[in-house]
Amino acid sequence: MLNTLARRLGLRTDPTIFFTSAGIMVLFLVALLIAPDAIGNAFGAGREWVVTNLGWFFILGVTSWVAFLLWVAISRYGAIRLGGNDARPAYTNVSWFTMLFAGGIGTVLMFWGVAEPISHFSTPPRPGVEPFSVEAADDAMSFSIYHLGLHTWAIFAMPGLAFAYFIYRYDLPMRFSSVFFPLLGERIYGPIGKTLDIFAILGTLFGVSVSIGLGTQQINAGLTELFGVPDAVFTKVVIIAVLTTVAVGSIVAGLDSGVKRLSNINIGMAVGLLVFVLFTGSTVFLLRAVVETFGLYITNLLPMAFWNDTLARYTSTDGSGWGWQGSWTVFYWAWTVTWSPFIGIFVARISRGRTIREFVFGVLFAPSIFTLVWFAIFGWSAMEIDGIGSAAREAMGDQAGVLSAAVAESIPLAMFAFFDNFPAATLIQGLAVVIVAIFFATSSDSASLVVDMLCTGSPDPGPWHQRVFWGVSEGMLAAMLIVLAGDAGLTALQEVITVVGLPMFILVFVMMFSLLRGLSHEDLSEVRVGSPPKPEKLNE
């Protein structure tokens, strides 16, 4: 019956995966709209349990992925090419990087580039650190980059490498289930494999929809600052409609013409914004800060990677088992991992022909270096404007703490309050709104193309109306949550995907062992002169 329906609709997809994913999405949305508070409370309790009892698992897990990826890259397996040994990259390094970045965390940097350093600056993560002090500023920068540097990209690179390896070396379908071939064998084509694919699709849809909803709040805040546009439900729906229209246009154009062009344009604008802040702000101070920030990150990376806030029960005012880290790092990893199938498949799709070494070093280090420079320039500028140290804050008088107050009032407004302190503030704030909008459009169109690939099992795009369906679904999901459930709907969905992050986290661990098993069957003499291994080798 589902096959007949798919033919009548002109779809080229796996009907079971497509219609089951769409049906569960609708059913869950209806339930969330009917009882957002009840669902939010239930999953909120689940999230609290996960954070309290398994926070250490998330901290240790992501750090172990970083170590594993670096080991694979520098080992003898690093020379393995993702594809046949005559395969070569389809995209230049510049285009590859811009698509990585725009499809990955470009939106996050725009949202948190000012807000996160200022948050940690005013509320230090470590006990005993004085707010707004020099030590608080150093810690704020270190933790901000820790959250969005190597560790975040390891969450994307781990599944991305597994996807690329099994899809291109073993000629398996471009689906989430393919990475479990060494463990499941032909069962990846059966109910177990399809269940894994459906789970990955739903995680992507809900994760992207939440991000669209949160991004809409930032764009609305910018328009309110610029033009006095009301911060209202109708405004947010119009913003989502415009973003979805842009994303759909890019989806129809395809990966090469649409996503690549939008990504290149947006990264160029973001770099322009970065250069503007550098040369209209305290240039020498910021250049020194960029260099020093590299040292701060390298020096603090190992302690931060294993810090579990163990003594929080003795240092927090409420005596909770988890302090600051439970609502930041653990929450961050749990939420980010729900994006890993989407970003992983997308990264794999654009990385065919690269060696494992190129893949790991490129995916881990190129975006992380850009992230460090971004935070160094925006974060240190923001903290300088806010006032670093008691002497500076006393000399600033009423001007001290302006950005801290803005972040406390509204995180989406932080970036625009920051630009009030620069020349041509209105023009730059307008540019920032455009950049945020395009970043969210590129995330949406990338996610839609990936969901379509997960349904078809092929890197080739399905019919245009099939791809458009997923793009429109993401926009409608975000819009309906805002219209019918308001902030409670978005909050509830955030709790849901955080809890969903636990099984996804475990699955990424399984991917690591699956990849290791696949690599162990490689004949490294064939890596240099022969062909990819045969799938049946994994079952020997």
Protein backbone atom coordinates (compact mmCIF):
# COMPACT_ATOMS: atom_id res chain seq x y z
CA MET A 1 0.00 0.00 0.00
CA LEU A 2 2.79 2.43 0.91
CA ASN A 3 4.61 1.58 -2.31
CA THR A 4 1.47 2.38 -4.32
CA LEU A 5 1.01 5.68 -2.50
CA ALA A 6 4.65 6.61 -3.14
CA ARG A 7 4.25 5.91 -6.87
CA ARG A 8 1.08 7.98 -7.08
CA LEU A 9 2.81 10.90 -5.37
CA GLY A 10 5.80 10.62 -7.68
CA LEU A 11 8.23 9.91 -4.85
CA ARG A 12 11.57 8.14 -5.19
CA THR A 13 12.17 6.96 -1.67
CA ASP A 14 11.81 4.11 0.77
CA PRO A 15 8.06 4.35 1.54
CA THR A 16 8.34 2.81 5.01
CA ILE A 17 11.00 5.28 6.15
CA PHE A 18 9.38 8.28 4.46
CA PHE A 19 5.77 7.84 5.59
CA THR A 20 6.59 6.53 9.08
CA SER A 21 8.90 9.49 9.75
CA ALA A 22 6.32 11.97 8.46
CA GLY A 23 3.52 10.30 10.44
CA ILE A 24 5.41 10.24 13.74
CA MET A 25 6.41 13.87 13.23
CA VAL A 26 2.76 14.87 12.84
CA LEU A 27 1.56 12.75 15.77
CA PHE A 28 4.25 14.06 18.08
CA LEU A 29 3.52 17.63 17.03
CA VAL A 30 -0.18 17.16 17.80
CA ALA A 31 0.66 15.74 21.24
CA LEU A 32 3.09 18.58 21.90
CA LEU A 33 0.52 21.17 20.91
CA ILE A 34 -2.20 19.60 23.06
CA ALA A 35 -0.09 19.22 26.19
CA PRO A 36 3.21 21.09 25.90
CA ASP A 37 3.54 21.58 29.66
CA ALA A 38 2.92 17.92 30.49
CA ILE A 39 5.39 16.72 27.87
CA GLY A 40 7.88 19.36 28.93
CA ASN A 41 7.60 18.33 32.58
CA ALA A 42 7.96 14.63 31.81
CA PHE A 43 10.98 15.09 29.60
CA GLY A 44 12.32 17.77 31.95
CA ALA A 45 12.44 15.14 34.69
CA GLY A 46 14.12 12.77 32.26
CA ARG A 47 16.69 15.41 31.35
CA GLU A 48 17.38 16.07 35.04
CA TRP A 49 18.03 12.36 35.60
CA VAL A 50 20.33 12.12 32.58
CA VAL A 51 22.34 15.18 33.62
CA THR A 52 22.64 14.10 37.27
CA ASN A 53 23.52 10.46 36.72
CA LEU A 54 25.17 10.36 33.30
CA GLY A 55 26.75 13.76 32.90
CA TRP A 56 30.18 12.17 33.43
CA PHE A 57 29.43 9.81 30.51
CA PHE A 58 28.84 12.72 28.13
CA ILE A 59 32.02 14.51 29.27
CA LEU A 60 34.19 11.40 28.95
CA GLY A 61 32.49 10.29 25.74
CA VAL A 62 33.12 13.38 23.64
CA THR A 63 36.73 13.58 24.84
CA SER A 64 37.25 9.94 23.85
CA TRP A 65 35.90 10.69 20.35
CA VAL A 66 38.44 13.49 19.94
CA ALA A 67 41.23 11.12 20.95
CA PHE A 68 39.97 8.31 18.69
CA LEU A 69 39.67 10.57 15.63
CA LEU A 70 43.17 11.97 16.11
CA TRP A 71 44.56 8.44 16.51
CA VAL A 72 42.87 7.25 13.30
CA ALA A 73 44.16 10.28 11.40
CA ILE A 74 47.81 9.83 12.37
CA SER A 75 47.73 6.03 12.18
CA ARG A 76 48.37 3.94 9.07
CA TYR A 77 44.62 4.12 8.38
CA GLY A 78 44.88 7.85 7.70
CA ALA A 79 45.95 7.18 4.08
CA ILE A 80 42.68 5.39 3.27
CA ARG A 81 40.70 7.35 0.71
CA LEU A 82 36.95 7.74 1.23
CA GLY A 83 35.93 6.14 -2.04
CA GLY A 84 37.90 4.26 -4.63
CA ASN A 85 41.60 4.99 -4.57
CA ASP A 86 41.29 7.01 -7.76
CA ALA A 87 38.54 9.20 -6.24
CA ARG A 88 39.32 12.88 -5.75
CA PRO A 89 37.44 15.65 -3.87
CA ALA A 90 34.54 17.21 -5.74
CA TYR A 91 34.94 20.56 -3.96
CA THR A 92 37.85 22.90 -3.41
CA ASN A 93 39.14 23.26 0.15
CA VAL A 94 37.54 26.71 0.42
CA SER A 95 34.07 25.55 -0.72
CA TRP A 96 34.36 22.44 1.43
CA PHE A 97 35.13 24.52 4.52
CA THR A 98 32.35 27.06 3.91
CA MET A 99 29.77 24.29 3.51
CA LEU A 100 31.09 22.56 6.64
CA PHE A 101 30.83 25.74 8.63
CA ALA A 102 27.52 27.08 7.29
CA GLY A 103 25.82 23.69 7.63
CA GLY A 104 27.36 23.14 11.06
CA ILE A 105 27.62 25.88 13.68
CA GLY A 106 27.59 29.17 11.80
CA THR A 107 24.22 29.94 13.36
CA VAL A 108 25.51 29.07 16.83
CA LEU A 109 28.46 31.46 16.59
CA MET A 110 26.17 34.33 15.59
CA PHE A 111 23.86 33.52 18.49
CA TRP A 112 26.51 32.88 21.17
CA GLY A 113 29.54 34.86 19.91
CA VAL A 114 28.85 37.65 22.41
CA ALA A 115 26.33 36.02 24.74
CA GLU A 116 28.32 33.01 25.91
CA PRO A 117 31.58 34.78 26.88
CA ILE A 118 29.58 37.49 28.65
CA SER A 119 27.47 34.85 30.45
CA HIS A 120 30.57 33.07 31.79
CA PHE A 121 32.23 36.43 32.51
CA SER A 122 29.37 37.56 34.73
CA THR A 123 28.67 34.08 36.19
CA PRO A 124 32.02 32.23 36.33
CA PRO A 125 31.91 28.45 35.84
CA ARG A 126 34.49 27.65 38.50
CA PRO A 127 33.84 28.27 42.20
CA GLY A 128 35.86 30.99 43.86
CA VAL A 129 36.36 33.08 40.72
CA GLU A 130 35.29 36.71 41.06
CA PRO A 131 32.76 37.84 38.42
CA PHE A 132 34.08 40.42 35.91
CA SER A 133 37.68 39.77 36.99
CA VAL A 134 40.63 39.05 34.72
CA GLU A 135 40.49 35.40 35.79
CA ALA A 136 36.78 35.30 34.95
CA ALA A 137 37.55 36.72 31.48
CA ASP A 138 40.19 34.04 30.82
CA ASP A 139 37.83 31.28 31.95
CA ALA A 140 34.95 32.72 29.91
CA MET A 141 37.02 32.56 26.74
CA SER A 142 38.41 29.09 27.47
CA PHE A 143 35.01 27.53 28.14
CA SER A 144 33.33 29.22 25.17
CA ILE A 145 35.88 27.77 22.77
CA TYR A 146 35.80 24.41 24.55
CA HIS A 147 32.06 24.23 23.87
CA LEU A 148 32.32 25.12 20.19
CA GLY A 149 35.81 23.99 19.22
CA LEU A 150 37.32 20.52 18.79
CA HIS A 151 34.78 18.76 21.00
CA THR A 152 31.71 20.00 19.14
CA TRP A 153 33.28 19.12 15.81
CA ALA A 154 34.23 15.67 17.10
CA ILE A 155 30.51 15.08 17.71
CA PHE A 156 29.97 15.78 13.99
CA ALA A 157 33.18 14.20 12.66
CA MET A 158 32.77 10.84 14.42
CA PRO A 159 29.52 9.85 12.63
CA GLY A 160 30.61 11.77 9.51
CA LEU A 161 33.73 9.64 9.14
CA ALA A 162 31.77 6.43 9.79
CA PHE A 163 29.18 7.42 7.17
CA ALA A 164 31.78 8.37 4.59
CA TYR A 165 33.83 5.21 5.17
CA PHE A 166 31.03 2.66 4.90
CA ILE A 167 29.07 4.48 2.20
CA TYR A 168 32.03 5.10 -0.11
CA ARG A 169 34.37 2.21 0.72
CA TYR A 170 31.68 -0.48 0.88
CA ASP A 171 29.19 1.08 -1.54
CA LEU A 172 26.37 1.01 1.00
CA PRO A 173 23.23 3.22 0.92
CA MET A 174 23.55 6.77 2.22
CA ARG A 175 21.61 6.00 5.37
CA PHE A 176 22.22 6.16 9.10
CA SER A 177 21.89 2.38 9.38
CA SER A 178 24.77 1.74 6.95
CA VAL A 179 27.41 2.49 9.60
CA PHE A 180 26.20 -0.50 11.62
CA PHE A 181 26.82 -2.98 8.77
CA PRO A 182 29.70 -4.75 10.58
CA LEU A 183 27.32 -5.49 13.46
CA LEU A 184 23.99 -6.00 11.66
CA GLY A 185 25.04 -7.25 8.23
CA GLU A 186 22.12 -7.49 5.81
CA ARG A 187 19.72 -6.60 8.63
CA ILE A 188 20.44 -2.92 7.91
CA TYR A 189 17.89 -3.34 5.09
CA GLY A 190 15.27 -4.79 7.45
CA PRO A 191 13.14 -3.47 10.32
CA ILE A 192 16.11 -2.78 12.63
CA GLY A 193 17.90 -0.70 10.01
CA LYS A 194 14.76 1.20 9.05
CA THR A 195 14.04 1.95 12.72
CA LEU A 196 17.52 3.45 13.10
CA ASP A 197 16.97 5.58 9.97
CA ILE A 198 13.59 6.83 11.20
CA PHE A 199 15.11 7.72 14.58
CA ALA A 200 17.87 9.71 12.84
CA ILE A 201 15.35 11.56 10.64
CA LEU A 202 13.16 12.56 13.59
CA GLY A 203 16.15 13.74 15.61
CA THR A 204 17.23 15.91 12.67
CA LEU A 205 13.75 17.36 12.10
CA PHE A 206 13.14 18.27 15.72
CA GLY A 207 16.67 19.55 16.30
CA VAL A 208 16.58 21.81 13.25
CA SER A 209 13.06 23.01 14.05
CA VAL A 210 14.12 24.09 17.55
CA SER A 211 17.10 25.94 16.06
CA ILE A 212 14.87 27.67 13.51
CA GLY A 213 12.59 28.72 16.36
CA LEU A 214 15.47 30.06 18.45
CA GLY A 215 17.05 31.75 15.43
CA THR A 216 13.75 33.41 14.69
CA GLN A 217 13.86 34.97 18.15
CA GLN A 218 17.29 36.47 17.41
CA ILE A 219 16.19 37.85 14.03
CA ASN A 220 13.05 39.28 15.62
CA ALA A 221 15.20 40.91 18.32
CA GLY A 222 17.37 42.47 15.63
CA LEU A 223 14.39 43.82 13.70
CA THR A 224 12.96 45.22 16.93
CA GLU A 225 16.25 46.99 17.64
CA LEU A 226 16.49 48.35 14.08
CA PHE A 227 12.95 49.19 13.07
CA GLY A 228 10.80 48.82 16.17
CA VAL A 229 9.14 45.72 14.71
CA PRO A 230 7.04 44.18 17.49
CA ASP A 231 8.33 41.06 19.19
CA ALA A 232 5.19 39.06 18.46
CA VAL A 233 4.04 35.66 17.24
CA PHE A 234 2.93 37.06 13.86
CA THR A 235 6.36 38.58 13.26
CA LYS A 236 8.08 35.28 14.04
CA VAL A 237 5.79 33.38 11.69
CA VAL A 238 6.56 35.83 8.86
CA ILE A 239 10.30 35.44 9.54
CA ILE A 240 10.01 31.63 9.44
CA ALA A 241 8.03 31.85 6.19
CA VAL A 242 10.74 34.00 4.57
CA LEU A 243 13.55 31.75 5.82
CA THR A 244 11.71 28.66 4.60
CA THR A 245 11.16 30.24 1.18
CA VAL A 246 14.89 30.96 0.84
CA ALA A 247 15.74 27.44 2.02
CA VAL A 248 13.27 25.86 -0.41
CA GLY A 249 14.80 27.82 -3.29
CA SER A 250 18.22 26.50 -2.32
CA ILE A 251 16.81 22.96 -1.97
CA VAL A 252 15.38 23.07 -5.49
CA ALA A 253 18.70 24.37 -6.84
CA GLY A 254 20.51 21.45 -5.19
CA LEU A 255 23.75 21.00 -3.27
CA ASP A 256 26.17 22.41 -5.83
CA SER A 257 24.17 25.39 -7.05
CA GLY A 258 22.13 26.20 -3.94
CA VAL A 259 23.82 25.21 -0.70
CA LYS A 260 27.37 25.87 -1.92
CA ARG A 261 26.50 29.34 -3.25
CA LEU A 262 24.62 30.39 -0.10
CA SER A 263 27.42 29.04 2.09
CA ASN A 264 30.15 30.90 0.19
CA ILE A 265 28.21 34.17 0.29
CA ASN A 266 27.43 33.86 3.97
CA ILE A 267 30.94 32.99 5.10
CA GLY A 268 32.21 35.96 3.10
CA MET A 269 29.76 38.25 4.92
CA ALA A 270 30.64 36.75 8.31
CA VAL A 271 34.37 37.24 7.69
CA GLY A 272 33.60 40.83 6.68
CA LEU A 273 31.78 41.36 9.98
CA LEU A 274 34.74 39.85 11.85
CA VAL A 275 37.21 42.17 10.11
CA PHE A 276 34.96 45.16 10.83
CA VAL A 277 34.94 44.45 14.58
CA LEU A 278 38.71 43.89 14.55
CA PHE A 279 39.61 47.16 12.83
CA THR A 280 36.96 49.45 14.33
CA GLY A 281 37.48 48.10 17.85
CA SER A 282 40.66 47.95 19.93
CA THR A 283 42.74 46.47 17.11
CA VAL A 284 46.06 45.97 18.88
CA PHE A 285 44.33 44.62 22.01
CA LEU A 286 42.35 42.14 19.88
CA LEU A 287 45.37 40.97 17.88
CA ARG A 288 47.19 40.30 21.13
CA ALA A 289 44.05 38.58 22.47
CA VAL A 290 43.80 36.25 19.45
CA VAL A 291 47.35 35.01 20.02
CA GLU A 292 46.82 34.70 23.77
CA THR A 293 43.52 32.87 23.28
CA PHE A 294 45.30 30.11 21.38
CA GLY A 295 47.52 29.67 24.42
CA LEU A 296 44.57 29.73 26.82
CA TYR A 297 42.75 27.05 24.83
CA ILE A 298 45.79 24.79 24.48
CA THR A 299 46.71 25.19 28.16
CA ASN A 300 43.19 24.58 29.49
CA LEU A 301 41.93 22.03 26.96
CA LEU A 302 43.00 18.90 28.84
CA PRO A 303 41.70 20.00 32.28
CA MET A 304 38.39 21.21 30.75
CA ALA A 305 37.99 17.99 28.73
CA PHE A 306 37.89 15.94 31.93
CA TRP A 307 36.37 18.44 34.37
CA ASN A 308 33.17 17.00 35.82
CA ASP A 309 32.29 19.63 38.41
CA THR A 310 32.65 16.82 40.97
CA LEU A 311 32.63 19.11 44.00
CA ALA A 312 29.50 21.00 42.95
CA ARG A 313 27.49 19.50 45.83
CA TYR A 314 29.90 21.18 48.24
CA THR A 315 30.27 24.48 46.40
CA SER A 316 26.83 25.20 44.89
CA THR A 317 24.40 27.20 46.98
CA ASP A 318 21.54 24.73 46.49
CA GLY A 319 23.66 21.64 47.24
CA SER A 320 22.77 20.05 43.88
CA GLY A 321 24.84 17.23 42.47
CA TRP A 322 25.61 19.29 39.39
CA GLY A 323 26.39 22.96 39.27
CA TRP A 324 27.11 25.21 36.32
CA GLN A 325 28.29 22.39 34.06
CA GLY A 326 25.00 20.48 34.16
CA SER A 327 23.14 23.32 32.45
CA TRP A 328 25.97 24.14 30.03
CA THR A 329 28.43 21.47 28.92
CA VAL A 330 26.29 18.37 29.51
CA PHE A 331 23.25 20.05 27.97
CA TYR A 332 25.40 21.21 25.06
CA TRP A 333 26.73 17.72 24.24
CA ALA A 334 23.30 16.08 24.60
CA TRP A 335 21.69 18.60 22.26
CA THR A 336 24.53 18.68 19.75
CA VAL A 337 24.57 14.90 19.36
CA THR A 338 20.95 14.98 18.14
CA TRP A 339 22.32 16.90 15.14
CA SER A 340 25.08 14.36 14.49
CA PRO A 341 23.20 12.23 11.91
CA PHE A 342 22.31 15.37 9.93
CA ILE A 343 25.75 17.00 10.04
CA GLY A 344 27.49 13.62 9.72
CA ILE A 345 25.66 12.65 6.53
CA PHE A 346 26.06 16.16 5.13
CA VAL A 347 29.81 16.18 5.86
CA ALA A 348 30.16 12.71 4.35
CA ARG A 349 28.27 13.80 1.23
CA ILE A 350 30.67 16.66 0.53
CA SER A 351 33.84 14.75 1.51
CA ARG A 352 34.00 11.92 -1.00
CA GLY A 353 37.51 11.50 -2.40
CA ARG A 354 39.36 12.84 0.65
CA THR A 355 41.63 10.67 2.75
CA ILE A 356 40.72 9.89 6.35
CA ARG A 357 43.61 12.10 7.44
CA GLU A 358 42.36 15.03 5.34
CA PHE A 359 38.83 14.48 6.60
CA VAL A 360 39.70 14.39 10.30
CA PHE A 361 42.15 17.28 10.28
CA GLY A 362 39.90 19.37 8.04
CA VAL A 363 36.64 18.76 9.93
CA LEU A 364 38.20 19.09 13.40
CA PHE A 365 40.71 21.87 12.99
CA ALA A 366 39.56 24.25 10.23
CA PRO A 367 36.19 25.18 11.83
CA SER A 368 37.74 25.09 15.33
CA ILE A 369 40.42 27.62 14.38
CA PHE A 370 37.82 29.91 12.84
CA THR A 371 35.67 29.50 15.96
CA LEU A 372 38.62 30.45 18.18
CA VAL A 373 39.36 33.60 16.16
CA TRP A 374 35.64 34.50 16.14
CA PHE A 375 35.29 34.17 19.91
CA ALA A 376 38.59 35.92 20.53
CA ILE A 377 37.50 38.99 18.56
CA PHE A 378 33.84 39.15 19.54
CA GLY A 379 34.24 37.81 23.08
CA TRP A 380 37.18 39.96 24.16
CA SER A 381 35.61 43.02 22.51
CA ALA A 382 32.40 42.39 24.44
CA MET A 383 34.17 41.89 27.75
CA GLU A 384 36.28 45.02 27.20
CA ILE A 385 33.10 47.02 26.53
CA ASP A 386 31.53 45.53 29.67
CA GLY A 387 34.59 46.30 31.82
CA ILE A 388 37.33 43.85 32.88
CA GLY A 389 38.55 44.15 36.47
CA SER A 390 37.36 46.32 39.34
CA ALA A 391 39.54 49.33 38.44
CA ALA A 392 38.31 49.48 34.84
CA ARG A 393 34.68 49.04 35.88
CA GLU A 394 34.95 51.76 38.49
CA ALA A 395 36.45 54.15 35.92
CA MET A 396 33.64 53.34 33.45
CA GLY A 397 30.91 54.28 35.91
CA ASP A 398 27.40 53.65 34.61
CA GLN A 399 28.76 52.21 31.35
CA ALA A 400 30.16 49.16 33.13
CA GLY A 401 28.06 46.05 32.77
CA VAL A 402 25.88 47.21 29.87
CA LEU A 403 26.33 43.98 27.92
CA SER A 404 25.96 41.77 30.99
CA ALA A 405 22.63 43.47 31.65
CA ALA A 406 21.59 43.02 28.00
CA VAL A 407 22.44 39.29 28.06
CA ALA A 408 20.59 38.86 31.37
CA GLU A 409 17.54 40.52 29.83
CA SER A 410 17.58 38.80 26.43
CA ILE A 411 20.23 36.48 24.98
CA PRO A 412 18.92 36.96 21.38
CA LEU A 413 19.47 40.71 21.80
CA ALA A 414 23.12 40.38 22.91
CA MET A 415 24.74 40.66 19.47
CA PHE A 416 22.72 43.75 18.56
CA ALA A 417 23.43 45.46 21.91
CA PHE A 418 27.10 44.76 21.23
CA PHE A 419 27.02 46.54 17.85
CA ASP A 420 25.56 49.66 19.49
CA ASN A 421 29.14 50.38 20.56
CA PHE A 422 30.54 50.50 16.99
CA PRO A 423 30.35 52.99 14.13
CA ALA A 424 27.53 52.62 11.60
CA ALA A 425 25.70 50.57 14.22
CA THR A 426 22.39 50.44 12.34
CA LEU A 427 24.02 49.27 9.11
CA ILE A 428 26.06 46.59 10.89
CA GLN A 429 23.06 45.38 12.89
CA GLY A 430 21.14 45.06 9.62
CA LEU A 431 23.99 43.06 8.11
CA ALA A 432 24.03 40.83 11.20
CA VAL A 433 20.31 40.11 10.75
CA VAL A 434 20.94 39.08 7.11
CA ILE A 435 23.86 36.83 8.10
CA VAL A 436 21.83 35.12 10.83
CA ALA A 437 18.93 34.64 8.41
CA ILE A 438 21.12 33.08 5.72
CA PHE A 439 22.91 30.86 8.25
CA PHE A 440 19.56 29.49 9.38
CA ALA A 441 18.42 29.07 5.77
CA THR A 442 21.56 27.09 4.94
CA SER A 443 21.07 24.90 8.02
CA SER A 444 17.48 24.26 6.96
CA ASP A 445 18.26 23.44 3.32
CA SER A 446 21.23 21.24 4.32
CA ALA A 447 19.02 19.36 6.79
CA SER A 448 16.27 18.91 4.18
CA LEU A 449 18.71 17.47 1.64
CA VAL A 450 20.13 15.14 4.29
CA VAL A 451 16.69 13.92 5.39
CA ASP A 452 15.90 13.25 1.74
CA MET A 453 19.14 11.24 1.41
CA LEU A 454 18.28 9.24 4.54
CA CYS A 455 14.96 8.36 2.93
CA THR A 456 16.27 7.54 -0.56
CA GLY A 457 19.58 5.99 0.53
CA SER A 458 21.28 7.79 -2.36
CA PRO A 459 23.51 10.88 -2.63
CA ASP A 460 21.56 11.84 -5.75
CA PRO A 461 18.66 14.19 -4.98
CA GLY A 462 15.13 12.89 -5.09
CA PRO A 463 12.30 14.65 -6.98
CA TRP A 464 12.16 18.36 -6.17
CA HIS A 465 8.74 18.16 -4.48
CA GLN A 466 10.04 15.37 -2.23
CA ARG A 467 12.95 17.56 -1.07
CA VAL A 468 10.70 20.59 -0.70
CA PHE A 469 8.35 18.58 1.53
CA TRP A 470 11.03 18.24 4.20
CA GLY A 471 12.08 21.90 3.97
CA VAL A 472 8.48 23.06 4.38
CA SER A 473 7.94 20.53 7.21
CA GLU A 474 10.81 22.01 9.24
CA GLY A 475 9.46 25.52 8.81
CA MET A 476 5.87 24.51 9.60
CA LEU A 477 6.99 22.55 12.66
CA ALA A 478 8.80 25.60 14.07
CA ALA A 479 5.94 27.96 13.14
CA MET A 480 3.20 25.78 14.59
CA LEU A 481 5.11 25.38 17.83
CA ILE A 482 5.39 29.15 18.16
CA VAL A 483 1.76 29.84 17.14
CA LEU A 484 -0.02 27.10 19.06
CA ALA A 485 2.29 26.37 21.96
CA GLY A 486 4.43 29.49 22.31
CA ASP A 487 7.62 29.40 24.31
CA ALA A 488 6.34 26.37 26.24
CA GLY A 489 6.37 24.32 23.02
CA LEU A 490 9.95 25.22 22.16
CA THR A 491 11.05 24.60 25.74
CA ALA A 492 9.33 21.22 25.82
CA LEU A 493 10.92 20.21 22.52
CA GLN A 494 14.35 21.22 23.84
CA GLU A 495 13.79 18.91 26.81
CA VAL A 496 12.70 16.12 24.44
CA ILE A 497 15.72 16.27 22.18
CA THR A 498 18.06 16.45 25.18
CA VAL A 499 16.66 13.14 26.45
CA VAL A 500 16.78 11.73 22.90
CA GLY A 501 20.45 12.72 22.93
CA LEU A 502 21.27 9.83 25.32
CA PRO A 503 20.40 6.93 22.97
CA MET A 504 21.94 8.87 20.08
CA PHE A 505 25.09 9.33 22.15
CA ILE A 506 25.27 5.58 22.75
CA LEU A 507 24.75 4.90 19.04
CA VAL A 508 27.67 7.17 18.14
CA PHE A 509 29.83 5.11 20.52
CA VAL A 510 28.69 2.00 18.66
CA MET A 511 29.66 3.73 15.40
CA MET A 512 33.19 4.14 16.73
CA PHE A 513 33.57 0.40 17.34
CA SER A 514 31.89 -0.38 14.02
CA LEU A 515 34.35 1.88 12.20
CA LEU A 516 37.28 0.30 14.03
CA ARG A 517 36.10 -3.15 12.93
CA GLY A 518 35.79 -1.99 9.34
CA LEU A 519 39.28 -0.45 9.36
CA SER A 520 40.76 -3.63 10.81
CA HIS A 521 39.69 -5.50 7.65
CA GLU A 522 41.55 -3.13 5.34
CA ASP A 523 44.47 -4.51 3.37
CA LEU A 524 46.73 -1.48 3.49
CA SER A 525 48.64 -2.58 0.41
CA GLU A 526 45.32 -2.28 -1.45
CA VAL A 527 44.77 1.16 0.03
CA ARG A 528 47.71 2.41 -2.00
CA VAL A 529 47.25 0.54 -5.28
CA GLY A 530 44.09 -1.54 -5.17
CA SER A 531 40.36 -1.19 -4.59
CA PRO A 532 38.12 -0.83 -1.53
CA PRO A 533 37.50 -3.99 0.52
CA LYS A 534 34.54 -6.24 -0.15
CA PRO A 535 31.56 -6.10 2.27
CA GLU A 536 31.68 -9.85 2.88
CA LYS A 537 35.06 -9.39 4.60
CA LEU A 538 33.29 -7.93 7.61
CA ASN A 539 31.34 -11.14 8.11
CA GLU A 540 34.35 -13.44 8.02
